[in-house]
Amino acid sequence: MKTRLKTIEFAAGDQRLAGTFLAPAAVLPGILFVHGWGGSQEQDLDRARQAAGLGCTCLTFDLRGHERTLVQRESVTRQENLDDLLAAYDVLTARPGVDKDSIAVVAISYGGYLACILSSLRPVRWLALRAPALYPDAGWDLPKRALNRDPGLAEYRMQSIAWKDNRALNACAMFRGDVLVVESEHDTLVPHPVIENYVNAFVKPRSTTARVIAGADHALSDEKHQRDYTALLINWLTEMIVGARAHEAAKTTGQPVTQGAALAH
C-alpha cells in the first residue's frame, strides 16, 4: 500500500511554487469474506459493500456444500472446504489492482476455523474472526457433517486446548498480523472456552482486539446484534486499513505518524 509521491512546480502569478502530490497506491487492499457452516455469501454482502467503501476489493463466495452445491452437504470434507478457501484467496489476489501484501480475511464460525488454517498457507495481514468454531484434528478427511453429529464435540469445546494440540490454533500461534476476535455472550455452539483457546493461541500478533457482543447468540438472531457486529467490524477494518495507509504515507514523506493514525501494536 505504498503512497505515490510526486514533486511539482506550478505558477502563481510571476512566482514558481514548489508542491508535492500524494496519491493512494495504485493497488488496494483485498478482503476475503468466509461464511459459516449452513450459511452463504448473502450474509456477507452488506458488510462487503461497506468494506469496499473503504477503498478495498472484496470477494464473497459460497463454500462447497452450500447454495448451488447443497447436494454435497453430506459428503464435503474439511479439506475440500479448505481447498475452496485457498482457491478463493488465489482468485482475489490474482485480480489486477489488489495488493497481495494487504489481504484481510473476515470469517464466521466454521469459516473462521478454516481462515486460521488458511493464514498458515497464504499471506494474511488482517484476520477478523466472529465466533470461530473449533474441531479436533482427528477425522480430517471425514465428511464435515459427521463432526457435527459427534456427541463428543460439545465436550471438546469446553476444554482448555494448547495451541500445539490443534491445527487451527497452531496456525494462530504463527500469525503475525492484526487480529479481531468477536464472541457472542450467549453462544451455545461456540462457548467461551473456545474463544479463550483462540485468543490465547495468538502469541505474537501485531495486535489483538477481543470483543463480546452482549446478549447475542451464535447466529446473531437479533437484528440489533447484527448491526452491532457490522459496526464493530467496519470500525476495526477502518482503523487497520486507514491506519496502515497513514503509516505508509508518513514513511514516504519522512514525517512521524500522528497520534491515532498508526496501527495498533
C-alpha atoms as a PDB file:
ATOM      1  CA  MET A   1       0.000   0.000   0.000  1.00  0.00           C
ATOM      2  CA  LYS A   2       2.790   2.409  -0.882  1.00  0.00           C
ATOM      3  CA  THR A   3       1.658   6.020  -1.257  1.00  0.00           C
ATOM      4  CA  ARG A   4       2.681   7.593  -4.566  1.00  0.00           C
ATOM      5  CA  LEU A   5       4.554  10.889  -4.205  1.00  0.00           C
ATOM      6  CA  LYS A   6       5.453  13.378  -6.947  1.00  0.00           C
ATOM      7  CA  THR A   7       7.137  16.762  -6.533  1.00  0.00           C
ATOM      8  CA  ILE A   8       5.945  19.556  -8.827  1.00  0.00           C
ATOM      9  CA  GLU A   9       6.281  23.272  -9.546  1.00  0.00           C
ATOM     10  CA  PHE A  10       3.382  25.498 -10.534  1.00  0.00           C
ATOM     11  CA  ALA A  11       2.824  29.137 -11.365  1.00  0.00           C
ATOM     12  CA  ALA A  12       1.270  31.684  -9.047  1.00  0.00           C
ATOM     13  CA  GLY A  13       1.428  34.982 -10.923  1.00  0.00           C
ATOM     14  CA  ASP A  14       5.088  35.574 -11.660  1.00  0.00           C
ATOM     15  CA  GLN A  15       6.198  33.077  -8.999  1.00  0.00           C
ATOM     16  CA  ARG A  16       7.045  29.379  -9.245  1.00  0.00           C
ATOM     17  CA  LEU A  17       5.916  27.460  -6.197  1.00  0.00           C
ATOM     18  CA  ALA A  18       7.012  24.012  -5.093  1.00  0.00           C
ATOM     19  CA  GLY A  19       4.449  21.374  -4.249  1.00  0.00           C
ATOM     20  CA  THR A  20       4.077  17.668  -3.693  1.00  0.00           C
ATOM     21  CA  PHE A  21       1.292  15.413  -4.936  1.00  0.00           C
ATOM     22  CA  LEU A  22       0.447  12.437  -2.716  1.00  0.00           C
ATOM     23  CA  ALA A  23      -1.935   9.876  -4.153  1.00  0.00           C
ATOM     24  CA  PRO A  24      -3.218   6.484  -2.993  1.00  0.00           C
ATOM     25  CA  ALA A  25      -1.256   3.474  -4.081  1.00  0.00           C
ATOM     26  CA  ALA A  26      -2.038   2.009  -7.460  1.00  0.00           C
ATOM     27  CA  VAL A  27      -3.042  -1.239  -5.698  1.00  0.00           C
ATOM     28  CA  LEU A  28      -5.686  -1.612  -2.986  1.00  0.00           C
ATOM     29  CA  PRO A  29      -6.190  -3.993  -0.064  1.00  0.00           C
ATOM     30  CA  GLY A  30      -8.243  -7.129  -0.640  1.00  0.00           C
ATOM     31  CA  ILE A  31     -10.806  -8.564   1.778  1.00  0.00           C
ATOM     32  CA  LEU A  32     -11.992 -12.174   1.606  1.00  0.00           C
ATOM     33  CA  PHE A  33     -15.272 -12.986   3.391  1.00  0.00           C
ATOM     34  CA  VAL A  34     -15.907 -16.565   4.569  1.00  0.00           C
ATOM     35  CA  HIS A  35     -19.343 -17.667   5.793  1.00  0.00           C
ATOM     36  CA  GLY A  36     -20.044 -20.355   8.369  1.00  0.00           C
ATOM     37  CA  TRP A  37     -21.463 -23.878   8.059  1.00  0.00           C
ATOM     38  CA  GLY A  38     -25.012 -23.665   6.749  1.00  0.00           C
ATOM     39  CA  GLY A  39     -24.558 -20.029   5.715  1.00  0.00           C
ATOM     40  CA  SER A  40     -23.904 -18.361   2.380  1.00  0.00           C
ATOM     41  CA  GLN A  41     -22.221 -15.349   0.830  1.00  0.00           C
ATOM     42  CA  GLU A  42     -25.550 -13.491   1.123  1.00  0.00           C
ATOM     43  CA  GLN A  43     -24.758 -12.979   4.809  1.00  0.00           C
ATOM     44  CA  ASP A  44     -21.585 -11.096   3.901  1.00  0.00           C
ATOM     45  CA  LEU A  45     -22.722  -8.874   1.027  1.00  0.00           C
ATOM     46  CA  ASP A  46     -23.823  -5.857   3.067  1.00  0.00           C
ATOM     47  CA  ARG A  47     -20.625  -5.827   5.108  1.00  0.00           C
ATOM     48  CA  ALA A  48     -18.573  -6.331   1.943  1.00  0.00           C
ATOM     49  CA  ARG A  49     -20.266  -3.315   0.361  1.00  0.00           C
ATOM     50  CA  GLN A  50     -19.324  -1.204   3.370  1.00  0.00           C
ATOM     51  CA  ALA A  51     -15.764  -2.531   3.343  1.00  0.00           C
ATOM     52  CA  ALA A  52     -15.488  -1.756  -0.373  1.00  0.00           C
ATOM     53  CA  GLY A  53     -16.311   1.829   0.571  1.00  0.00           C
ATOM     54  CA  LEU A  54     -13.006   1.938   2.469  1.00  0.00           C
ATOM     55  CA  GLY A  55     -11.215   1.511  -0.856  1.00  0.00           C
ATOM     56  CA  CYS A  56     -10.845  -2.278  -0.820  1.00  0.00           C
ATOM     57  CA  THR A  57     -11.531  -5.050  -3.295  1.00  0.00           C
ATOM     58  CA  CYS A  58     -13.826  -7.579  -1.625  1.00  0.00           C
ATOM     59  CA  LEU A  59     -14.717 -11.157  -2.513  1.00  0.00           C
ATOM     60  CA  THR A  60     -17.605 -13.196  -1.114  1.00  0.00           C
ATOM     61  CA  PHE A  61     -18.288 -16.784  -2.177  1.00  0.00           C
ATOM     62  CA  ASP A  62     -20.197 -19.948  -1.276  1.00  0.00           C
ATOM     63  CA  LEU A  63     -18.265 -22.864   0.177  1.00  0.00           C
ATOM     64  CA  ARG A  64     -18.811 -26.289  -1.367  1.00  0.00           C
ATOM     65  CA  GLY A  65     -21.851 -27.986   0.177  1.00  0.00           C
ATOM     66  CA  HIS A  66     -23.827 -24.741   0.249  1.00  0.00           C
ATOM     67  CA  GLU A  67     -26.285 -22.976  -2.051  1.00  0.00           C
ATOM     68  CA  ARG A  68     -25.766 -24.298  -5.625  1.00  0.00           C
ATOM     69  CA  THR A  69     -23.714 -27.254  -4.354  1.00  0.00           C
ATOM     70  CA  LEU A  70     -26.025 -28.108  -1.446  1.00  0.00           C
ATOM     71  CA  VAL A  71     -26.242 -31.692  -2.708  1.00  0.00           C
ATOM     72  CA  GLN A  72     -22.668 -32.150  -1.418  1.00  0.00           C
ATOM     73  CA  ARG A  73     -23.586 -31.160   2.154  1.00  0.00           C
ATOM     74  CA  GLU A  74     -23.427 -34.735   3.456  1.00  0.00           C
ATOM     75  CA  SER A  75     -20.094 -35.605   1.833  1.00  0.00           C
ATOM     76  CA  VAL A  76     -17.942 -32.444   1.775  1.00  0.00           C
ATOM     77  CA  THR A  77     -14.828 -32.626   3.964  1.00  0.00           C
ATOM     78  CA  ARG A  78     -12.787 -30.008   5.766  1.00  0.00           C
ATOM     79  CA  GLN A  79     -10.002 -30.479   3.237  1.00  0.00           C
ATOM     80  CA  GLU A  80     -12.371 -29.769   0.349  1.00  0.00           C
ATOM     81  CA  ASN A  81     -13.684 -26.623   2.021  1.00  0.00           C
ATOM     82  CA  LEU A  82     -10.110 -25.534   2.766  1.00  0.00           C
ATOM     83  CA  ASP A  83      -9.359 -26.073  -0.927  1.00  0.00           C
ATOM     84  CA  ASP A  84     -12.351 -23.827  -1.715  1.00  0.00           C
ATOM     85  CA  LEU A  85     -10.951 -21.133   0.548  1.00  0.00           C
ATOM     86  CA  LEU A  86      -7.477 -21.386  -0.964  1.00  0.00           C
ATOM     87  CA  ALA A  87      -8.963 -21.090  -4.451  1.00  0.00           C
ATOM     88  CA  ALA A  88     -10.992 -18.024  -3.442  1.00  0.00           C
ATOM     89  CA  TYR A  89      -7.898 -16.418  -1.908  1.00  0.00           C
ATOM     90  CA  ASP A  90      -5.927 -17.022  -5.109  1.00  0.00           C
ATOM     91  CA  VAL A  91      -8.720 -15.542  -7.241  1.00  0.00           C
ATOM     92  CA  LEU A  92      -8.768 -12.404  -5.062  1.00  0.00           C
ATOM     93  CA  THR A  93      -5.004 -11.883  -5.062  1.00  0.00           C
ATOM     94  CA  ALA A  94      -4.773 -12.511  -8.817  1.00  0.00           C
ATOM     95  CA  ARG A  95      -7.212  -9.696  -9.552  1.00  0.00           C
ATOM     96  CA  PRO A  96      -5.495  -6.609 -11.051  1.00  0.00           C
ATOM     97  CA  GLY A  97      -5.171  -3.788  -8.542  1.00  0.00           C
ATOM     98  CA  VAL A  98      -5.166  -5.967  -5.412  1.00  0.00           C
ATOM     99  CA  ASP A  99      -2.220  -5.516  -3.056  1.00  0.00           C
ATOM    100  CA  LYS A 100      -1.033  -9.056  -2.301  1.00  0.00           C
ATOM    101  CA  ASP A 101       0.678  -7.805   0.862  1.00  0.00           C
ATOM    102  CA  SER A 102      -2.532  -6.287   2.239  1.00  0.00           C
ATOM    103  CA  ILE A 103      -5.098  -9.070   2.478  1.00  0.00           C
ATOM    104  CA  ALA A 104      -7.777  -9.288   5.173  1.00  0.00           C
ATOM    105  CA  VAL A 105      -9.894 -12.351   5.864  1.00  0.00           C
ATOM    106  CA  VAL A 106     -13.246 -11.850   7.612  1.00  0.00           C
ATOM    107  CA  ALA A 107     -14.747 -15.155   8.717  1.00  0.00           C
ATOM    108  CA  ILE A 108     -17.577 -16.615  10.787  1.00  0.00           C
ATOM    109  CA  SER A 109     -17.766 -19.843  12.842  1.00  0.00           C
ATOM    110  CA  TYR A 110     -16.633 -22.798  10.672  1.00  0.00           C
ATOM    111  CA  GLY A 111     -15.306 -20.245   8.191  1.00  0.00           C
ATOM    112  CA  GLY A 112     -13.226 -18.725  10.998  1.00  0.00           C
ATOM    113  CA  TYR A 113     -11.734 -22.113  11.777  1.00  0.00           C
ATOM    114  CA  LEU A 114     -10.770 -22.571   8.115  1.00  0.00           C
ATOM    115  CA  ALA A 115      -9.499 -18.979   7.872  1.00  0.00           C
ATOM    116  CA  CYS A 116      -6.998 -19.574  10.659  1.00  0.00           C
ATOM    117  CA  ILE A 117      -5.610 -22.592   8.814  1.00  0.00           C
ATOM    118  CA  LEU A 118      -5.538 -20.533   5.602  1.00  0.00           C
ATOM    119  CA  SER A 119      -3.315 -17.961   7.330  1.00  0.00           C
ATOM    120  CA  SER A 120      -0.621 -20.633   7.686  1.00  0.00           C
ATOM    121  CA  LEU A 121      -0.770 -21.396   3.953  1.00  0.00           C
ATOM    122  CA  ARG A 122      -1.180 -17.925   2.411  1.00  0.00           C
ATOM    123  CA  PRO A 123      -0.086 -14.409   3.499  1.00  0.00           C
ATOM    124  CA  VAL A 124      -2.802 -12.714   5.581  1.00  0.00           C
ATOM    125  CA  ARG A 125      -2.268  -9.266   7.107  1.00  0.00           C
ATOM    126  CA  TRP A 126      -5.583  -8.847   8.946  1.00  0.00           C
ATOM    127  CA  LEU A 127      -7.754 -11.609  10.399  1.00  0.00           C
ATOM    128  CA  ALA A 128     -11.278 -10.954  11.732  1.00  0.00           C
ATOM    129  CA  LEU A 129     -12.989 -13.920  13.394  1.00  0.00           C
ATOM    130  CA  ARG A 130     -16.558 -13.966  14.678  1.00  0.00           C
ATOM    131  CA  ALA A 131     -17.376 -16.944  16.910  1.00  0.00           C
ATOM    132  CA  PRO A 132     -14.649 -19.128  15.359  1.00  0.00           C
ATOM    133  CA  ALA A 133     -15.530 -22.801  15.732  1.00  0.00           C
ATOM    134  CA  LEU A 134     -13.040 -25.443  16.836  1.00  0.00           C
ATOM    135  CA  TYR A 135     -12.771 -29.104  15.848  1.00  0.00           C
ATOM    136  CA  PRO A 136     -10.394 -31.946  16.782  1.00  0.00           C
ATOM    137  CA  ASP A 137      -7.740 -32.718  14.181  1.00  0.00           C
ATOM    138  CA  ALA A 138      -8.810 -36.361  14.040  1.00  0.00           C
ATOM    139  CA  GLY A 139     -11.075 -37.338  11.173  1.00  0.00           C
ATOM    140  CA  TRP A 140      -9.807 -34.567   8.923  1.00  0.00           C
ATOM    141  CA  ASP A 141     -10.944 -36.393   5.774  1.00  0.00           C
ATOM    142  CA  LEU A 142     -14.318 -37.466   7.147  1.00  0.00           C
ATOM    143  CA  PRO A 143     -17.422 -35.577   5.946  1.00  0.00           C
ATOM    144  CA  LYS A 144     -17.697 -32.347   7.896  1.00  0.00           C
ATOM    145  CA  ARG A 145     -21.335 -33.189   8.629  1.00  0.00           C
ATOM    146  CA  ALA A 146     -20.147 -36.154  10.702  1.00  0.00           C
ATOM    147  CA  LEU A 147     -18.244 -33.800  13.014  1.00  0.00           C
ATOM    148  CA  ASN A 148     -21.478 -32.007  13.909  1.00  0.00           C
ATOM    149  CA  ARG A 149     -23.052 -35.322  14.863  1.00  0.00           C
ATOM    150  CA  ASP A 150     -20.159 -36.326  17.113  1.00  0.00           C
ATOM    151  CA  PRO A 151     -21.505 -36.374  20.685  1.00  0.00           C
ATOM    152  CA  GLY A 152     -18.022 -35.563  21.959  1.00  0.00           C
ATOM    153  CA  LEU A 153     -17.749 -32.248  20.091  1.00  0.00           C
ATOM    154  CA  ALA A 154     -19.563 -30.196  22.739  1.00  0.00           C
ATOM    155  CA  GLU A 155     -17.283 -31.611  25.451  1.00  0.00           C
ATOM    156  CA  TYR A 156     -14.198 -30.909  23.316  1.00  0.00           C
ATOM    157  CA  ARG A 157     -15.232 -27.273  23.018  1.00  0.00           C
ATOM    158  CA  MET A 158     -15.395 -26.892  26.797  1.00  0.00           C
ATOM    159  CA  GLN A 159     -11.745 -27.917  27.224  1.00  0.00           C
ATOM    160  CA  SER A 160      -8.640 -25.779  27.514  1.00  0.00           C
ATOM    161  CA  ILE A 161      -6.588 -26.735  24.455  1.00  0.00           C
ATOM    162  CA  ALA A 162      -2.955 -25.774  23.875  1.00  0.00           C
ATOM    163  CA  TRP A 163      -2.126 -24.290  20.500  1.00  0.00           C
ATOM    164  CA  LYS A 164       0.300 -27.131  19.843  1.00  0.00           C
ATOM    165  CA  ASP A 165      -2.543 -29.667  20.001  1.00  0.00           C
ATOM    166  CA  ASN A 166      -4.820 -28.289  17.287  1.00  0.00           C
ATOM    167  CA  ARG A 167      -4.114 -27.357  13.665  1.00  0.00           C
ATOM    168  CA  ALA A 168      -6.161 -24.160  13.662  1.00  0.00           C
ATOM    169  CA  LEU A 169      -4.714 -22.969  16.981  1.00  0.00           C
ATOM    170  CA  ASN A 170      -1.210 -23.807  15.746  1.00  0.00           C
ATOM    171  CA  ALA A 171      -1.833 -21.531  12.759  1.00  0.00           C
ATOM    172  CA  CYS A 172      -2.903 -18.781  15.169  1.00  0.00           C
ATOM    173  CA  ALA A 173       0.388 -19.134  17.045  1.00  0.00           C
ATOM    174  CA  MET A 174       2.251 -18.499  13.782  1.00  0.00           C
ATOM    175  CA  PHE A 175       0.128 -15.481  12.807  1.00  0.00           C
ATOM    176  CA  ARG A 176       1.975 -12.150  12.897  1.00  0.00           C
ATOM    177  CA  GLY A 177      -0.677  -9.766  11.627  1.00  0.00           C
ATOM    178  CA  ASP A 178      -3.558  -7.954  13.335  1.00  0.00           C
ATOM    179  CA  VAL A 179      -6.470  -9.989  14.658  1.00  0.00           C
ATOM    180  CA  LEU A 180     -10.028  -9.287  15.790  1.00  0.00           C
ATOM    181  CA  VAL A 181     -11.924 -11.964  17.750  1.00  0.00           C
ATOM    182  CA  VAL A 182     -15.639 -11.381  18.371  1.00  0.00           C
ATOM    183  CA  GLU A 183     -17.610 -13.501  20.847  1.00  0.00           C
ATOM    184  CA  SER A 184     -21.377 -13.783  21.324  1.00  0.00           C
ATOM    185  CA  GLU A 185     -22.221 -13.606  25.026  1.00  0.00           C
ATOM    186  CA  HIS A 186     -24.855 -16.370  24.901  1.00  0.00           C
ATOM    187  CA  ASP A 187     -23.266 -18.624  22.292  1.00  0.00           C
ATOM    188  CA  THR A 188     -24.053 -22.289  22.988  1.00  0.00           C
ATOM    189  CA  LEU A 189     -22.402 -23.650  19.813  1.00  0.00           C
ATOM    190  CA  VAL A 190     -19.074 -21.852  20.288  1.00  0.00           C
ATOM    191  CA  PRO A 191     -18.833 -21.357  24.055  1.00  0.00           C
ATOM    192  CA  HIS A 192     -16.412 -19.072  25.863  1.00  0.00           C
ATOM    193  CA  PRO A 193     -13.641 -21.700  26.352  1.00  0.00           C
ATOM    194  CA  VAL A 194     -13.279 -21.912  22.548  1.00  0.00           C
ATOM    195  CA  ILE A 195     -12.811 -18.139  22.334  1.00  0.00           C
ATOM    196  CA  GLU A 196     -10.264 -18.307  25.156  1.00  0.00           C
ATOM    197  CA  ASN A 197      -8.355 -21.018  23.285  1.00  0.00           C
ATOM    198  CA  TYR A 198      -8.187 -18.844  20.170  1.00  0.00           C
ATOM    199  CA  VAL A 199      -7.207 -15.642  21.974  1.00  0.00           C
ATOM    200  CA  ASN A 200      -4.522 -17.480  23.965  1.00  0.00           C
ATOM    201  CA  ALA A 201      -3.186 -19.083  20.771  1.00  0.00           C
ATOM    202  CA  PHE A 202      -2.331 -15.712  19.221  1.00  0.00           C
ATOM    203  CA  VAL A 203       1.005 -15.455  20.983  1.00  0.00           C
ATOM    204  CA  LYS A 204       2.828 -12.991  18.693  1.00  0.00           C
ATOM    205  CA  PRO A 205       0.347 -10.988  16.615  1.00  0.00           C
ATOM    206  CA  ARG A 206       0.951  -7.346  15.690  1.00  0.00           C
ATOM    207  CA  SER A 207      -2.222  -6.538  17.651  1.00  0.00           C
ATOM    208  CA  THR A 208      -5.144  -8.415  19.162  1.00  0.00           C
ATOM    209  CA  THR A 209      -8.635  -6.986  19.673  1.00  0.00           C
ATOM    210  CA  ALA A 210     -11.216  -9.115  21.523  1.00  0.00           C
ATOM    211  CA  ARG A 211     -14.848  -8.018  21.841  1.00  0.00           C
ATOM    212  CA  VAL A 212     -18.068  -9.534  23.198  1.00  0.00           C
ATOM    213  CA  ILE A 213     -21.497  -8.741  21.736  1.00  0.00           C
ATOM    214  CA  ALA A 214     -23.658  -8.514  24.849  1.00  0.00           C
ATOM    215  CA  GLY A 215     -26.789 -10.650  24.828  1.00  0.00           C
ATOM    216  CA  ALA A 216     -26.057 -12.193  21.421  1.00  0.00           C
ATOM    217  CA  ASP A 217     -26.455 -15.821  20.383  1.00  0.00           C
ATOM    218  CA  HIS A 218     -24.297 -17.670  17.851  1.00  0.00           C
ATOM    219  CA  ALA A 219     -26.388 -16.707  14.821  1.00  0.00           C
ATOM    220  CA  LEU A 220     -26.879 -13.069  15.909  1.00  0.00           C
ATOM    221  CA  SER A 221     -30.617 -13.702  15.591  1.00  0.00           C
ATOM    222  CA  ASP A 222     -31.478 -10.229  16.869  1.00  0.00           C
ATOM    223  CA  GLU A 223     -31.135  -7.567  14.165  1.00  0.00           C
ATOM    224  CA  LYS A 224     -29.565  -5.215  16.711  1.00  0.00           C
ATOM    225  CA  HIS A 225     -26.765  -7.698  17.301  1.00  0.00           C
ATOM    226  CA  GLN A 226     -26.204  -7.914  13.540  1.00  0.00           C
ATOM    227  CA  ARG A 227     -25.856  -4.131  13.432  1.00  0.00           C
ATOM    228  CA  ASP A 228     -23.546  -4.163  16.462  1.00  0.00           C
ATOM    229  CA  TYR A 229     -21.260  -6.687  14.780  1.00  0.00           C
ATOM    230  CA  THR A 230     -21.244  -4.808  11.482  1.00  0.00           C
ATOM    231  CA  ALA A 231     -20.312  -1.547  13.215  1.00  0.00           C
ATOM    232  CA  LEU A 232     -17.594  -3.274  15.243  1.00  0.00           C
ATOM    233  CA  LEU A 233     -16.126  -4.964  12.161  1.00  0.00           C
ATOM    234  CA  ILE A 234     -16.173  -1.892   9.906  1.00  0.00           C
ATOM    235  CA  ASN A 235     -14.668   0.292  12.637  1.00  0.00           C
ATOM    236  CA  TRP A 236     -11.861  -2.217  13.130  1.00  0.00           C
ATOM    237  CA  LEU A 237     -11.212  -2.546   9.393  1.00  0.00           C
ATOM    238  CA  THR A 238     -11.166   1.251   9.108  1.00  0.00           C
ATOM    239  CA  GLU A 239      -8.627   1.518  11.915  1.00  0.00           C
ATOM    240  CA  MET A 240      -6.436  -1.175  10.401  1.00  0.00           C
ATOM    241  CA  ILE A 241      -6.584  -0.162   6.732  1.00  0.00           C
ATOM    242  CA  VAL A 242      -6.685   3.619   7.054  1.00  0.00           C
ATOM    243  CA  GLY A 243      -4.053   3.399   9.783  1.00  0.00           C
ATOM    244  CA  ALA A 244      -1.798   1.351   7.517  1.00  0.00           C
ATOM    245  CA  ARG A 245      -2.187   3.901   4.727  1.00  0.00           C
ATOM    246  CA  ALA A 246      -1.322   6.747   7.096  1.00  0.00           C
ATOM    247  CA  HIS A 247       1.714   4.800   8.259  1.00  0.00           C
ATOM    248  CA  GLU A 248       2.908   4.270   4.678  1.00  0.00           C
ATOM    249  CA  ALA A 249       2.262   7.920   3.805  1.00  0.00           C
ATOM    250  CA  ALA A 250       4.296   9.044   6.790  1.00  0.00           C
ATOM    251  CA  LYS A 251       7.200   6.814   5.738  1.00  0.00           C
ATOM    252  CA  THR A 252       7.015   8.224   2.207  1.00  0.00           C
ATOM    253  CA  THR A 253       7.171  11.847   3.374  1.00  0.00           C
ATOM    254  CA  GLY A 254       9.572  11.190   6.211  1.00  0.00           C
ATOM    255  CA  GLN A 255       7.127  12.620   8.752  1.00  0.00           C
ATOM    256  CA  PRO A 256       6.190  10.920  12.022  1.00  0.00           C
ATOM    257  CA  VAL A 257       2.821   9.200  12.215  1.00  0.00           C
ATOM    258  CA  THR A 258       0.404  11.352  14.208  1.00  0.00           C
ATOM    259  CA  GLN A 259      -1.308  10.016  17.314  1.00  0.00           C
ATOM    260  CA  GLY A 260      -4.217   7.768  16.406  1.00  0.00           C
ATOM    261  CA  ALA A 261      -3.113   7.261  12.804  1.00  0.00           C
ATOM    262  CA  ALA A 262      -0.729   4.380  13.364  1.00  0.00           C
ATOM    263  CA  LEU A 263      -1.599   0.720  13.535  1.00  0.00           C
ATOM    264  CA  ALA A 264      -2.356  -0.656  16.969  1.00  0.00           C
ATOM    265  CA  HIS A 265       0.610  -2.629  18.240  1.00  0.00           C
END
